[in-house]
Amino acid sequence: MRFGIFYEHQNPRPWREERSEHRLLKDALEQVELADRVGFDCVWEVEHHFLEEYSHSSAPEVFLAAAAARTQRIRLGHGIVQIPPAVNHPARVAERVATLDLISDGRVEFGTGESSSSAELGGFLVDRTRKREMWEDAIEAIARMFVEEPFAGWQGEFWQMPVRNVVPKPLQRPHPPLWVACSRRETIHLAARKGIGALSFSFVEPEDAGRWVADYYAILDSEECVPAGFAVNPEVAVVLPMMLHEDEAEAIERGIDGAHFFGYSLAHYYGMGRHRPGRTVVWDEFIENRDARGFARSVIGADAAPLAVKIMQHGLGSLRGAIGTPEQVLDLCRRYEAAGVDQVIFVLQAGPNRHEHICESLELFGRHVIPHFAERREEREREKAARLAPALERALARRSPARAAPLGYVIDEAAEVARAAPSDGGGLRARLGAAGQVALARLVRGASDRQLERRFGGPRAQRLIFEGMARQFVPKFAFGFEGDIAYVLTHYENGGPPARWTIRVEGDAARLLPGANASPAITFTLSVPDWARLIAAEADPQELLFSDRFHVEGDLSLATRVPEMFGAPPRF
């Protein structure tokens, strides 16, 4: 089992000098340096916005980059990045994660999530009822950005992006390990179905964690697992508050208020609190209401007993976690290890917890707890990898592969912006065109050159298709072009003269003219069979160009827009 530390950058009011954000971040970086030296495996940094007092960590990539510069071996975990597009554009996420991975020599763990606080969802105008769909859409696209070169573009309901090479690429290949934030058993199951690590933030007891772990690995080994990424990250982690001291009563005195404020302020923003931005003092409400809200100070006492995450006594509930002596915390960690948990992540920087006490706890944990797990860790991880290898191989075989972008794709700003614009009302026309395209594809798919010549070589079939193209004309993709687009169709094996057709664009309309015009803006020359395959989207224009079966003369920038001008997807 491995161990991490977790940061929200909590900062309860009043924000005097000793609780200034400047001091908070500087102290946290010193703590990360110390954790690296004493043997912790990962530092996890959350991303939250507008959650004053609870979390002042709105730019985790900056903090983790600073941590990377100060450390040698500890891994750097995004725990998590919010990936609904209104909060973070997927391309910006991929760029930042890859850059951090390069700076840190491949130490990034990439956790993702949706957020569920009203302050954040409302602040970025994210529809709560659609946020899971947004997450699923974005994680798929980001994973592709890491591996596709170039990224083949995205056309979704929530965001669109044309073909671009998203650079840099991460050092870890195919990409850093993927995780998702989990607060319920349902999201543990989601993580397993997606083949990504489960970061549990629900303060779960070891015995309950064991049931979650069993569910996770059962789904991972089933047909339900279709990885979101191009590698599977089979890991389950739990998060707990922590404070250590040789004397149990002193550990409680130093750490319990911070742990309880962590839990209380979490509940404040994620359910039971009413918040006035810049006015509500969460710390004052915590002091007044903690007993009634399940954070009773009186319940927690030094009794040398095994630790529990949650405690009930005399009708009052409370949170404890890993707050005690090194021996008590060692026992708790062994129980998590027995349950199959892969990583325990500790929250020390919480509420009013003091920097020097946090550092003492890190040193005690490094001295008295980590050695008991480090000596057999690598052997156990090798055994786990060998045991899971067949299931992971089967899962990755179910994942759709990286896509190839059109070889001749050329950046065309005007066309790309227009393509992403809302529909101009041509819905019925588009549906009719799509139906015709399906019918055409059935006639073309699998047919030989001789069969295609018989089906499409005559003037009647050609006229029907070209007239259909003219009716599908989309003026916005012409970008003001007016003129003639010529087609020269050579026949297969019959030696007859080529068929010539012209589509004339004038204003907001296009019409078919039989024969050739004297000065077309562009001329496409190809055989009847290849023309049929091209318009049915059963051939790649780049492949035809490079094999000398498709010739283009005239305005090449216009050529890249012709498919979209006549209602087809971009092909170049």
Protein backbone atom coordinates (compact mmCIF):
# COMPACT_ATOMS: atom_id res chain seq x y z
CA MET A 1 0.00 0.00 0.00
CA ARG A 2 1.09 3.54 -0.73
CA PHE A 3 0.51 6.81 1.09
CA GLY A 4 -0.35 10.33 0.02
CA ILE A 5 -1.12 13.76 1.46
CA PHE A 6 -4.04 15.85 0.32
CA TYR A 7 -4.52 19.62 0.10
CA GLU A 8 -7.65 21.74 -0.05
CA HIS A 9 -5.72 24.81 1.17
CA GLN A 10 -8.25 25.41 3.91
CA ASN A 11 -8.19 28.88 5.38
CA PRO A 12 -10.84 29.57 8.05
CA ARG A 13 -11.57 33.16 8.95
CA PRO A 14 -10.41 35.51 10.35
CA TRP A 15 -7.69 35.90 7.72
CA ARG A 16 -5.08 37.47 9.90
CA GLU A 17 -1.37 37.27 9.11
CA GLU A 18 -0.99 33.76 10.54
CA ARG A 19 -3.82 32.59 8.28
CA SER A 20 -2.90 34.59 5.19
CA GLU A 21 -3.12 32.83 1.84
CA HIS A 22 0.54 33.66 1.22
CA ARG A 23 1.65 31.88 4.40
CA LEU A 24 -0.76 29.01 3.74
CA LEU A 25 0.75 28.18 0.33
CA LYS A 26 4.36 28.62 1.45
CA ASP A 27 3.82 26.32 4.42
CA ALA A 28 2.15 23.73 2.21
CA LEU A 29 5.14 23.66 -0.14
CA GLU A 30 7.48 23.10 2.81
CA GLN A 31 5.24 20.24 3.94
CA VAL A 32 5.38 18.65 0.49
CA GLU A 33 9.18 18.85 0.51
CA LEU A 34 9.22 17.09 3.86
CA ALA A 35 6.74 14.44 2.73
CA ASP A 36 9.00 13.71 -0.25
CA ARG A 37 12.00 13.23 2.05
CA VAL A 38 10.29 10.95 4.57
CA GLY A 39 8.80 8.58 1.99
CA PHE A 40 5.26 9.61 1.10
CA ASP A 41 4.34 8.51 -2.40
CA CYS A 42 2.00 11.23 -3.68
CA VAL A 43 0.76 14.74 -2.98
CA TRP A 44 -2.81 15.36 -4.13
CA GLU A 45 -4.08 18.85 -4.86
CA VAL A 46 -7.76 19.61 -5.34
CA GLU A 47 -9.35 22.12 -7.72
CA HIS A 48 -12.17 24.19 -6.24
CA HIS A 49 -13.59 27.61 -6.98
CA PHE A 50 -15.43 30.14 -4.80
CA LEU A 51 -15.42 27.86 -1.71
CA GLU A 52 -14.01 30.42 0.74
CA GLU A 53 -12.53 28.99 3.94
CA TYR A 54 -13.09 25.40 2.77
CA SER A 55 -10.74 25.46 -0.23
CA HIS A 56 -8.52 28.20 -1.63
CA SER A 57 -7.06 25.85 -4.25
CA SER A 58 -8.29 27.20 -7.56
CA ALA A 59 -5.07 26.74 -9.58
CA PRO A 60 -3.71 23.29 -8.66
CA GLU A 61 -1.46 23.11 -11.71
CA VAL A 62 0.52 26.10 -10.40
CA PHE A 63 0.93 24.66 -6.93
CA LEU A 64 1.91 21.23 -8.26
CA ALA A 65 4.48 22.78 -10.63
CA ALA A 66 6.04 24.57 -7.65
CA ALA A 67 6.00 21.28 -5.74
CA ALA A 68 7.65 19.52 -8.69
CA ALA A 69 10.55 21.98 -8.57
CA ARG A 70 11.11 21.34 -4.85
CA THR A 71 10.88 17.53 -4.83
CA GLN A 72 12.60 14.51 -6.33
CA ARG A 73 10.40 11.43 -6.15
CA ILE A 74 6.92 12.15 -4.77
CA ARG A 75 4.18 11.88 -7.39
CA LEU A 76 1.97 14.86 -8.16
CA GLY A 77 -1.74 14.16 -8.11
CA HIS A 78 -4.51 16.28 -9.52
CA GLY A 79 -7.20 15.36 -7.05
CA ILE A 80 -9.17 16.42 -9.07
CA VAL A 81 -9.40 18.64 -12.18
CA GLN A 82 -12.96 19.74 -12.88
CA ILE A 83 -13.52 18.91 -16.53
CA PRO A 84 -16.99 20.17 -17.49
CA PRO A 85 -16.05 22.41 -20.46
CA ALA A 86 -17.53 25.54 -18.90
CA VAL A 87 -14.95 25.23 -16.10
CA ASN A 88 -11.93 23.93 -18.03
CA HIS A 89 -11.70 23.51 -21.79
CA PRO A 90 -10.54 19.91 -22.44
CA ALA A 91 -7.60 21.04 -24.60
CA ARG A 92 -6.33 23.34 -21.84
CA VAL A 93 -6.54 20.48 -19.37
CA ALA A 94 -4.56 18.17 -21.65
CA GLU A 95 -1.91 20.85 -22.24
CA ARG A 96 -1.46 21.64 -18.55
CA VAL A 97 -1.33 18.00 -17.45
CA ALA A 98 1.20 17.11 -20.15
CA THR A 99 3.39 20.10 -19.31
CA LEU A 100 3.40 19.21 -15.62
CA ASP A 101 4.28 15.62 -16.52
CA LEU A 102 7.28 16.81 -18.53
CA ILE A 103 8.47 19.26 -15.86
CA SER A 104 8.20 16.60 -13.15
CA ASP A 105 9.92 13.82 -15.14
CA GLY A 106 6.73 11.79 -15.45
CA ARG A 107 5.31 12.03 -11.92
CA VAL A 108 1.72 13.10 -12.64
CA GLU A 109 -1.44 11.31 -11.48
CA PHE A 110 -4.42 12.77 -13.35
CA GLY A 111 -7.62 12.81 -11.31
CA THR A 112 -10.83 14.14 -12.84
CA GLY A 113 -14.29 15.08 -11.63
CA GLU A 114 -17.47 17.06 -12.21
CA SER A 115 -17.96 19.07 -8.99
CA SER A 116 -21.23 18.99 -7.10
CA SER A 117 -21.22 22.21 -5.08
CA SER A 118 -23.82 24.81 -5.94
CA ALA A 119 -21.21 27.57 -5.61
CA GLU A 120 -19.14 26.09 -8.43
CA LEU A 121 -21.82 24.68 -10.72
CA GLY A 122 -23.84 27.87 -10.46
CA GLY A 123 -20.73 30.03 -10.70
CA PHE A 124 -19.78 28.52 -14.06
CA LEU A 125 -23.41 28.03 -15.16
CA VAL A 126 -23.08 24.24 -15.41
CA ASP A 127 -26.35 22.28 -15.63
CA ARG A 128 -26.28 19.92 -12.64
CA THR A 129 -28.48 17.39 -14.42
CA ARG A 130 -25.98 17.07 -17.31
CA LYS A 131 -22.64 17.25 -15.50
CA ARG A 132 -22.02 13.48 -15.59
CA GLU A 133 -22.53 13.51 -19.35
CA MET A 134 -20.10 16.44 -19.60
CA TRP A 135 -17.50 14.54 -17.59
CA GLU A 136 -17.83 11.41 -19.73
CA ASP A 137 -17.58 13.47 -22.90
CA ALA A 138 -14.54 15.43 -21.72
CA ILE A 139 -12.53 12.49 -20.30
CA GLU A 140 -12.89 10.64 -23.60
CA ALA A 141 -11.67 13.66 -25.56
CA ILE A 142 -8.76 14.45 -23.21
CA ALA A 143 -7.51 10.87 -23.35
CA ARG A 144 -7.51 11.11 -27.13
CA MET A 145 -5.64 14.41 -27.04
CA PHE A 146 -2.82 12.66 -25.18
CA VAL A 147 -2.39 9.98 -27.87
CA GLU A 148 -3.77 11.25 -31.20
CA GLU A 149 -1.30 13.16 -33.36
CA PRO A 150 -3.05 15.26 -34.40
CA PHE A 151 -6.19 15.16 -32.28
CA ALA A 152 -8.89 14.34 -34.82
CA GLY A 153 -11.36 16.92 -33.50
CA TRP A 154 -14.56 16.82 -31.49
CA GLN A 155 -18.15 17.52 -32.42
CA GLY A 156 -20.30 17.13 -29.32
CA GLU A 157 -23.27 18.68 -27.64
CA PHE A 158 -21.26 20.48 -24.98
CA TRP A 159 -18.24 21.71 -26.95
CA GLN A 160 -16.63 21.47 -30.37
CA MET A 161 -13.05 21.58 -31.58
CA PRO A 162 -11.52 21.15 -35.04
CA VAL A 163 -8.47 19.07 -35.87
CA ARG A 164 -5.41 20.28 -33.96
CA ASN A 165 -2.21 18.72 -32.68
CA VAL A 166 -2.50 19.21 -28.91
CA VAL A 167 1.03 19.73 -27.63
CA PRO A 168 3.04 18.96 -25.64
CA LYS A 169 2.45 15.25 -25.15
CA PRO A 170 2.99 13.78 -21.66
CA LEU A 171 6.19 11.96 -20.74
CA GLN A 172 4.26 8.96 -19.41
CA ARG A 173 2.89 6.89 -22.26
CA PRO A 174 0.19 6.59 -23.30
CA HIS A 175 -0.70 9.15 -20.60
CA PRO A 176 -0.54 9.68 -16.82
CA PRO A 177 -2.71 7.33 -14.72
CA LEU A 178 -6.35 8.41 -14.75
CA TRP A 179 -8.56 8.74 -11.64
CA VAL A 180 -12.04 9.98 -10.81
CA ALA A 181 -13.41 11.47 -7.59
CA CYS A 182 -15.82 9.10 -5.82
CA SER A 183 -18.16 10.02 -2.98
CA ARG A 184 -20.57 7.07 -3.15
CA ARG A 185 -20.51 3.39 -3.98
CA GLU A 186 -22.13 4.25 -7.32
CA THR A 187 -19.12 6.30 -8.42
CA ILE A 188 -16.74 3.53 -7.32
CA HIS A 189 -18.61 1.35 -9.81
CA LEU A 190 -18.31 4.09 -12.45
CA ALA A 191 -14.53 4.21 -11.95
CA ALA A 192 -14.31 0.45 -12.47
CA ARG A 193 -16.45 0.57 -15.60
CA LYS A 194 -14.14 3.26 -16.98
CA GLY A 195 -10.95 1.42 -15.99
CA ILE A 196 -9.65 4.33 -13.91
CA GLY A 197 -8.55 4.80 -10.31
CA ALA A 198 -11.18 5.51 -7.64
CA LEU A 199 -10.42 8.44 -5.31
CA SER A 200 -12.88 8.00 -2.44
CA PHE A 201 -13.62 11.13 -0.41
CA SER A 202 -16.33 9.62 1.81
CA PHE A 203 -14.29 8.85 4.99
CA VAL A 204 -15.11 5.15 4.77
CA GLU A 205 -14.22 2.59 7.48
CA PRO A 206 -11.75 -0.16 6.47
CA GLU A 207 -14.42 -2.85 6.65
CA ASP A 208 -16.77 -0.87 4.37
CA ALA A 209 -13.85 -0.07 2.08
CA GLY A 210 -13.30 -3.81 1.65
CA ARG A 211 -16.78 -4.20 0.12
CA TRP A 212 -16.16 -1.24 -2.19
CA VAL A 213 -12.82 -2.71 -3.28
CA ALA A 214 -14.43 -6.10 -4.00
CA ASP A 215 -17.08 -4.41 -6.16
CA TYR A 216 -14.45 -2.37 -7.99
CA TYR A 217 -12.24 -5.30 -8.98
CA ALA A 218 -15.22 -7.51 -9.89
CA ILE A 219 -16.45 -4.91 -12.40
CA LEU A 220 -12.91 -4.36 -13.67
CA ASP A 221 -12.78 -8.08 -14.51
CA SER A 222 -16.12 -8.03 -16.31
CA GLU A 223 -17.44 -7.06 -19.74
CA GLU A 224 -18.71 -3.82 -18.17
CA CYS A 225 -15.19 -2.37 -18.12
CA VAL A 226 -14.56 -0.26 -21.20
CA PRO A 227 -11.58 2.01 -20.40
CA ALA A 228 -11.90 5.79 -20.69
CA GLY A 229 -8.17 6.00 -21.32
CA PHE A 230 -5.66 4.06 -23.37
CA ALA A 231 -4.29 2.37 -20.25
CA VAL A 232 -6.13 0.98 -17.22
CA ASN A 233 -5.31 2.31 -13.74
CA PRO A 234 -6.61 -0.35 -11.30
CA GLU A 235 -6.36 1.55 -8.00
CA VAL A 236 -8.63 2.37 -5.07
CA ALA A 237 -7.63 5.18 -2.67
CA VAL A 238 -9.32 6.49 0.47
CA VAL A 239 -8.95 9.90 2.13
CA LEU A 240 -8.75 10.43 5.91
CA PRO A 241 -7.89 13.26 8.31
CA MET A 242 -4.61 12.70 10.18
CA MET A 243 -2.53 14.08 13.04
CA LEU A 244 0.13 12.09 14.90
CA HIS A 245 1.81 12.45 18.28
CA GLU A 246 3.39 9.98 20.67
CA ASP A 247 0.75 11.03 23.18
CA GLU A 248 -2.79 10.27 21.95
CA ALA A 249 -4.40 13.12 23.87
CA GLU A 250 -1.95 15.61 22.33
CA ALA A 251 -2.65 14.27 18.83
CA ILE A 252 -6.36 14.86 19.44
CA GLU A 253 -5.75 18.33 20.81
CA ARG A 254 -3.66 19.25 17.77
CA GLY A 255 -5.77 17.70 15.03
CA ILE A 256 -9.41 17.12 15.88
CA ASP A 257 -10.68 20.66 15.32
CA GLY A 258 -9.05 20.75 11.89
CA ALA A 259 -10.54 17.37 10.96
CA HIS A 260 -13.96 18.44 12.15
CA PHE A 261 -13.81 21.77 10.34
CA PHE A 262 -12.84 19.90 7.18
CA GLY A 263 -15.95 17.75 7.46
CA TYR A 264 -18.23 20.61 8.53
CA SER A 265 -17.15 23.00 5.80
CA LEU A 266 -17.47 20.20 3.23
CA ALA A 267 -21.08 19.69 4.32
CA HIS A 268 -21.65 23.46 4.33
CA TYR A 269 -20.88 23.77 0.62
CA TYR A 270 -22.23 20.41 -0.47
CA GLY A 271 -25.61 20.30 1.17
CA MET A 272 -26.70 21.90 4.39
CA GLY A 273 -25.23 25.41 4.30
CA ARG A 274 -26.63 28.72 3.07
CA HIS A 275 -23.78 30.88 1.87
CA ARG A 276 -23.50 34.63 1.27
CA PRO A 277 -20.31 35.26 -0.76
CA GLY A 278 -17.81 37.33 1.17
CA ARG A 279 -20.14 37.55 4.19
CA THR A 280 -20.73 34.11 5.69
CA VAL A 281 -18.08 33.07 8.24
CA VAL A 282 -18.03 29.27 8.06
CA TRP A 283 -15.67 28.98 11.06
CA ASP A 284 -18.10 30.82 13.34
CA GLU A 285 -20.98 28.64 12.21
CA PHE A 286 -18.84 25.56 12.81
CA ILE A 287 -18.08 26.56 16.41
CA GLU A 288 -21.76 27.21 17.05
CA ASN A 289 -23.24 24.14 15.32
CA ARG A 290 -20.60 21.40 15.34
CA ASP A 291 -22.28 19.12 17.92
CA ALA A 292 -25.62 19.15 16.13
CA ARG A 293 -24.00 18.50 12.76
CA GLY A 294 -22.04 15.38 13.74
CA PHE A 295 -18.71 16.91 14.79
CA ALA A 296 -18.97 16.76 18.59
CA ARG A 297 -15.64 17.52 20.26
CA SER A 298 -16.70 15.82 23.51
CA VAL A 299 -17.06 12.40 21.88
CA ILE A 300 -13.36 12.18 20.99
CA GLY A 301 -11.17 11.02 23.84
CA ALA A 302 -7.83 9.29 24.40
CA ASP A 303 -8.54 5.62 25.14
CA ALA A 304 -5.69 3.72 23.42
CA ALA A 305 -8.33 1.85 21.38
CA PRO A 306 -8.17 0.98 17.69
CA LEU A 307 -9.08 3.98 15.57
CA ALA A 308 -12.39 4.41 13.78
CA VAL A 309 -13.20 6.93 11.10
CA LYS A 310 -16.58 7.79 12.59
CA ILE A 311 -17.64 7.55 16.24
CA MET A 312 -21.05 7.47 17.95
CA GLN A 313 -21.43 8.04 21.70
CA HIS A 314 -24.35 9.16 23.85
CA GLY A 315 -26.39 9.95 20.78
CA LEU A 316 -23.71 12.21 19.29
CA GLY A 317 -21.74 11.47 16.15
CA SER A 318 -18.21 12.57 15.33
CA LEU A 319 -15.34 12.19 12.89
CA ARG A 320 -11.90 10.95 13.92
CA GLY A 321 -9.87 9.16 11.23
CA ALA A 322 -6.10 8.77 11.64
CA ILE A 323 -5.68 11.05 14.66
CA GLY A 324 -3.69 9.30 17.34
CA THR A 325 -0.35 7.68 18.05
CA PRO A 326 1.88 6.15 15.38
CA GLU A 327 0.94 2.69 16.68
CA GLN A 328 -2.79 3.41 16.36
CA VAL A 329 -2.40 4.80 12.85
CA LEU A 330 -0.22 1.84 11.83
CA ASP A 331 -2.98 -0.52 12.94
CA LEU A 332 -5.58 1.49 10.99
CA CYS A 333 -3.44 1.39 7.84
CA ARG A 334 -2.97 -2.37 8.17
CA ARG A 335 -6.75 -2.75 8.25
CA TYR A 336 -7.05 -0.76 5.03
CA GLU A 337 -4.32 -2.87 3.47
CA ALA A 338 -6.16 -6.04 4.47
CA ALA A 339 -9.30 -4.61 2.83
CA GLY A 340 -7.42 -4.29 -0.47
CA VAL A 341 -7.07 -0.49 -0.52
CA ASP A 342 -4.15 0.59 -2.72
CA GLN A 343 -3.47 4.04 -1.26
CA VAL A 344 -4.41 5.92 1.90
CA ILE A 345 -4.33 9.69 1.49
CA PHE A 346 -4.17 11.91 4.55
CA VAL A 347 -5.56 15.39 5.13
CA LEU A 348 -3.33 17.25 7.60
CA GLN A 349 -3.70 20.84 6.42
CA ALA A 350 -7.24 21.41 7.66
CA GLY A 351 -8.97 24.12 9.66
CA PRO A 352 -6.62 25.74 12.17
CA ASN A 353 -4.01 22.92 12.16
CA ARG A 354 -0.55 24.37 12.71
CA HIS A 355 2.32 24.04 10.25
CA GLU A 356 4.80 22.75 12.85
CA HIS A 357 2.34 20.09 14.03
CA ILE A 358 1.76 18.93 10.47
CA CYS A 359 5.50 18.59 9.91
CA GLU A 360 5.95 16.61 13.14
CA SER A 361 3.17 14.25 12.05
CA LEU A 362 4.78 13.70 8.66
CA GLU A 363 8.10 12.86 10.28
CA LEU A 364 6.50 10.45 12.76
CA PHE A 365 4.58 8.70 9.99
CA GLY A 366 7.72 8.42 7.85
CA ARG A 367 9.67 6.98 10.78
CA HIS A 368 7.14 4.63 12.36
CA VAL A 369 4.55 3.66 9.73
CA ILE A 370 5.91 3.74 6.18
CA PRO A 371 8.75 1.21 6.78
CA HIS A 372 6.21 -1.49 7.70
CA PHE A 373 4.71 -1.28 4.20
CA ALA A 374 7.66 -0.31 2.00
CA GLU A 375 9.59 -3.53 2.47
CA ARG A 376 6.98 -5.77 0.76
CA ARG A 377 5.33 -3.21 -1.50
CA GLU A 378 7.08 -3.91 -4.81
CA GLU A 379 6.56 -7.66 -4.57
CA ARG A 380 2.85 -7.24 -3.88
CA GLU A 381 2.47 -4.77 -6.74
CA ARG A 382 4.15 -7.19 -9.16
CA GLU A 383 1.81 -9.96 -8.03
CA LYS A 384 -1.20 -7.69 -8.48
CA ALA A 385 -0.08 -6.63 -11.97
CA ALA A 386 0.37 -10.26 -13.05
CA ARG A 387 -3.01 -11.23 -11.58
CA LEU A 388 -4.88 -8.41 -13.33
CA ALA A 389 -3.01 -8.51 -16.66
CA PRO A 390 -5.51 -10.77 -18.53
CA ALA A 391 -8.52 -8.69 -17.40
CA LEU A 392 -6.82 -5.42 -18.35
CA GLU A 393 -5.87 -6.77 -21.76
CA ARG A 394 -9.47 -7.80 -22.41
CA ALA A 395 -10.73 -4.39 -21.25
CA LEU A 396 -8.38 -2.46 -23.53
CA ALA A 397 -9.46 -4.60 -26.48
CA ARG A 398 -12.98 -3.21 -25.95
CA ARG A 399 -11.76 0.40 -26.13
CA SER A 400 -12.08 2.20 -29.46
CA PRO A 401 -8.63 3.02 -30.87
CA ALA A 402 -6.98 6.36 -31.53
CA ARG A 403 -8.34 8.04 -34.65
CA ALA A 404 -6.47 9.31 -37.67
CA ALA A 405 -7.29 12.84 -38.81
CA PRO A 406 -7.63 13.49 -42.55
CA LEU A 407 -4.11 13.66 -43.98
CA GLY A 408 -4.74 16.81 -45.98
CA TYR A 409 -6.61 18.76 -43.30
CA VAL A 410 -5.71 22.45 -43.50
CA ILE A 411 -6.54 24.99 -40.80
CA ASP A 412 -9.31 27.25 -42.07
CA GLU A 413 -10.40 29.60 -39.31
CA ALA A 414 -13.53 30.92 -41.00
CA ALA A 415 -14.81 27.46 -41.91
CA GLU A 416 -14.05 26.07 -38.46
CA VAL A 417 -15.87 28.89 -36.68
CA ALA A 418 -18.84 28.58 -39.02
CA ARG A 419 -18.93 24.83 -38.53
CA ALA A 420 -19.29 25.30 -34.78
CA ALA A 421 -22.06 27.91 -35.08
CA PRO A 422 -25.63 26.93 -34.15
CA SER A 423 -27.76 25.40 -36.89
CA ASP A 424 -29.34 27.89 -39.31
CA GLY A 425 -32.62 25.98 -39.49
CA GLY A 426 -31.81 23.44 -42.21
CA GLY A 427 -32.85 20.51 -40.05
CA LEU A 428 -35.31 18.89 -42.48
CA ARG A 429 -32.96 19.40 -45.41
CA ALA A 430 -30.13 17.87 -43.39
CA ARG A 431 -32.23 14.83 -42.43
CA LEU A 432 -33.26 14.26 -46.03
CA GLY A 433 -29.65 14.60 -47.11
CA ALA A 434 -28.53 12.13 -44.46
CA ALA A 435 -31.15 9.61 -45.60
CA GLY A 436 -29.97 9.95 -49.17
CA GLN A 437 -26.37 9.50 -48.07
CA VAL A 438 -27.23 6.25 -46.31
CA ALA A 439 -29.03 4.93 -49.40
CA LEU A 440 -26.12 5.95 -51.62
CA ALA A 441 -23.60 4.26 -49.34
CA ARG A 442 -25.56 0.99 -49.59
CA LEU A 443 -25.29 1.09 -53.38
CA VAL A 444 -21.55 1.83 -53.29
CA ARG A 445 -20.19 -0.22 -50.40
CA GLY A 446 -18.37 -3.33 -51.58
CA ALA A 447 -19.15 -2.79 -55.27
CA SER A 448 -16.49 -3.32 -57.94
CA ASP A 449 -15.38 -0.63 -60.41
CA ARG A 450 -17.40 -2.34 -63.16
CA GLN A 451 -20.55 -2.41 -61.01
CA LEU A 452 -20.15 1.25 -60.06
CA GLU A 453 -19.69 2.24 -63.69
CA ARG A 454 -22.95 0.51 -64.59
CA ARG A 455 -24.82 2.17 -61.67
CA PHE A 456 -23.41 5.72 -61.89
CA GLY A 457 -21.89 6.06 -65.38
CA GLY A 458 -25.04 7.31 -67.12
CA PRO A 459 -26.21 10.93 -67.26
CA ARG A 460 -29.47 10.28 -65.41
CA ALA A 461 -27.79 8.95 -62.22
CA GLN A 462 -25.17 11.67 -62.36
CA ARG A 463 -27.77 14.42 -62.78
CA LEU A 464 -29.76 13.14 -59.76
CA ILE A 465 -26.67 13.21 -57.56
CA PHE A 466 -25.41 16.62 -58.68
CA GLU A 467 -28.88 18.17 -58.36
CA GLY A 468 -29.08 16.73 -54.84
CA MET A 469 -25.73 18.36 -54.05
CA ALA A 470 -26.96 21.73 -55.30
CA ARG A 471 -30.07 21.48 -53.11
CA GLN A 472 -27.87 20.76 -50.08
CA PHE A 473 -25.82 23.94 -50.59
CA VAL A 474 -24.96 25.67 -47.27
CA PRO A 475 -24.18 29.35 -48.01
CA LYS A 476 -22.26 30.04 -44.78
CA PHE A 477 -19.52 27.60 -45.83
CA ALA A 478 -19.04 29.38 -49.15
CA PHE A 479 -17.70 32.46 -47.31
CA GLY A 480 -18.77 34.74 -50.11
CA PHE A 481 -17.54 32.53 -52.97
CA GLU A 482 -19.42 32.86 -56.25
CA GLY A 483 -18.44 30.97 -59.36
CA ASP A 484 -18.31 27.55 -61.01
CA ILE A 485 -17.16 24.20 -59.61
CA ALA A 486 -16.45 21.71 -62.39
CA TYR A 487 -16.40 17.90 -62.37
CA VAL A 488 -14.77 15.76 -65.06
CA LEU A 489 -15.76 12.08 -64.70
CA THR A 490 -13.80 9.54 -66.74
CA HIS A 491 -15.43 6.22 -67.59
CA TYR A 492 -14.19 2.81 -66.56
CA GLU A 493 -13.18 0.50 -69.45
CA ASN A 494 -15.59 1.88 -72.08
CA GLY A 495 -13.32 4.45 -73.73
CA GLY A 496 -16.09 7.01 -74.07
CA PRO A 497 -15.56 10.76 -73.59
CA PRO A 498 -15.61 11.97 -69.97
CA ALA A 499 -18.83 13.35 -68.49
CA ARG A 500 -18.63 17.03 -67.57
CA TRP A 501 -20.79 18.83 -65.03
CA THR A 502 -20.75 22.28 -63.44
CA ILE A 503 -22.29 23.52 -60.21
CA ARG A 504 -22.68 27.30 -60.24
CA VAL A 505 -22.79 29.20 -56.93
CA GLU A 506 -24.58 32.55 -57.03
CA GLY A 507 -25.48 34.38 -53.84
CA ASP A 508 -27.21 32.01 -51.43
CA ALA A 509 -28.04 29.37 -54.03
CA ALA A 510 -26.36 26.74 -56.18
CA ARG A 511 -27.64 25.19 -59.45
CA LEU A 512 -26.51 22.45 -61.80
CA LEU A 513 -25.32 23.18 -65.36
CA PRO A 514 -24.65 20.25 -67.70
CA GLY A 515 -21.33 20.40 -69.51
CA ALA A 516 -18.24 22.50 -68.88
CA ASN A 517 -17.86 26.23 -68.34
CA ALA A 518 -14.92 28.15 -69.77
CA SER A 519 -13.33 29.29 -66.51
CA PRO A 520 -14.30 27.31 -63.41
CA ALA A 521 -12.79 28.32 -60.07
CA ILE A 522 -11.87 24.69 -59.47
CA THR A 523 -11.99 21.42 -61.42
CA PHE A 524 -12.16 17.92 -59.95
CA THR A 525 -11.13 15.08 -62.27
CA LEU A 526 -11.59 11.40 -61.33
CA SER A 527 -13.17 8.18 -62.58
CA VAL A 528 -16.87 7.43 -62.19
CA PRO A 529 -16.25 4.59 -59.68
CA ASP A 530 -13.99 6.75 -57.53
CA TRP A 531 -16.44 9.67 -57.73
CA ALA A 532 -19.23 7.37 -56.50
CA ARG A 533 -17.08 6.18 -53.60
CA LEU A 534 -16.09 9.74 -52.72
CA ILE A 535 -19.59 11.18 -52.58
CA ALA A 536 -20.79 8.13 -50.61
CA ALA A 537 -17.96 8.71 -48.09
CA GLU A 538 -16.59 5.27 -48.90
CA ALA A 539 -13.19 6.62 -50.03
CA ASP A 540 -10.68 9.00 -48.51
CA PRO A 541 -9.93 11.97 -50.83
CA GLN A 542 -6.35 12.12 -49.54
CA GLU A 543 -5.81 8.48 -50.46
CA LEU A 544 -7.19 9.09 -53.95
CA LEU A 545 -4.98 12.18 -54.35
CA PHE A 546 -1.81 10.41 -53.29
CA SER A 547 -2.53 7.43 -55.55
CA ASP A 548 -2.95 9.79 -58.55
CA ARG A 549 -6.62 8.83 -59.01
CA PHE A 550 -8.01 12.26 -58.10
CA HIS A 551 -6.82 15.55 -59.62
CA VAL A 552 -7.63 19.05 -58.41
CA GLU A 553 -6.96 22.18 -60.47
CA GLY A 554 -7.63 25.73 -59.31
CA ASP A 555 -8.27 27.23 -55.88
CA LEU A 556 -7.06 24.58 -53.41
CA SER A 557 -8.39 26.43 -50.35
CA LEU A 558 -11.84 26.27 -51.97
CA ALA A 559 -11.38 22.52 -52.50
CA THR A 560 -11.13 21.92 -48.75
CA ARG A 561 -14.50 23.62 -48.22
CA VAL A 562 -16.48 21.99 -51.02
CA PRO A 563 -17.76 18.98 -49.00
CA GLU A 564 -19.24 21.24 -46.31
CA MET A 565 -20.59 23.69 -48.89
CA PHE A 566 -22.81 20.87 -50.12
CA GLY A 567 -23.90 19.44 -46.79
CA ALA A 568 -21.24 16.80 -46.19
CA PRO A 569 -18.77 16.53 -43.30
CA PRO A 570 -15.30 18.01 -43.87
CA ARG A 571 -13.11 15.57 -45.77
CA PHE A 572 -9.79 17.41 -46.05
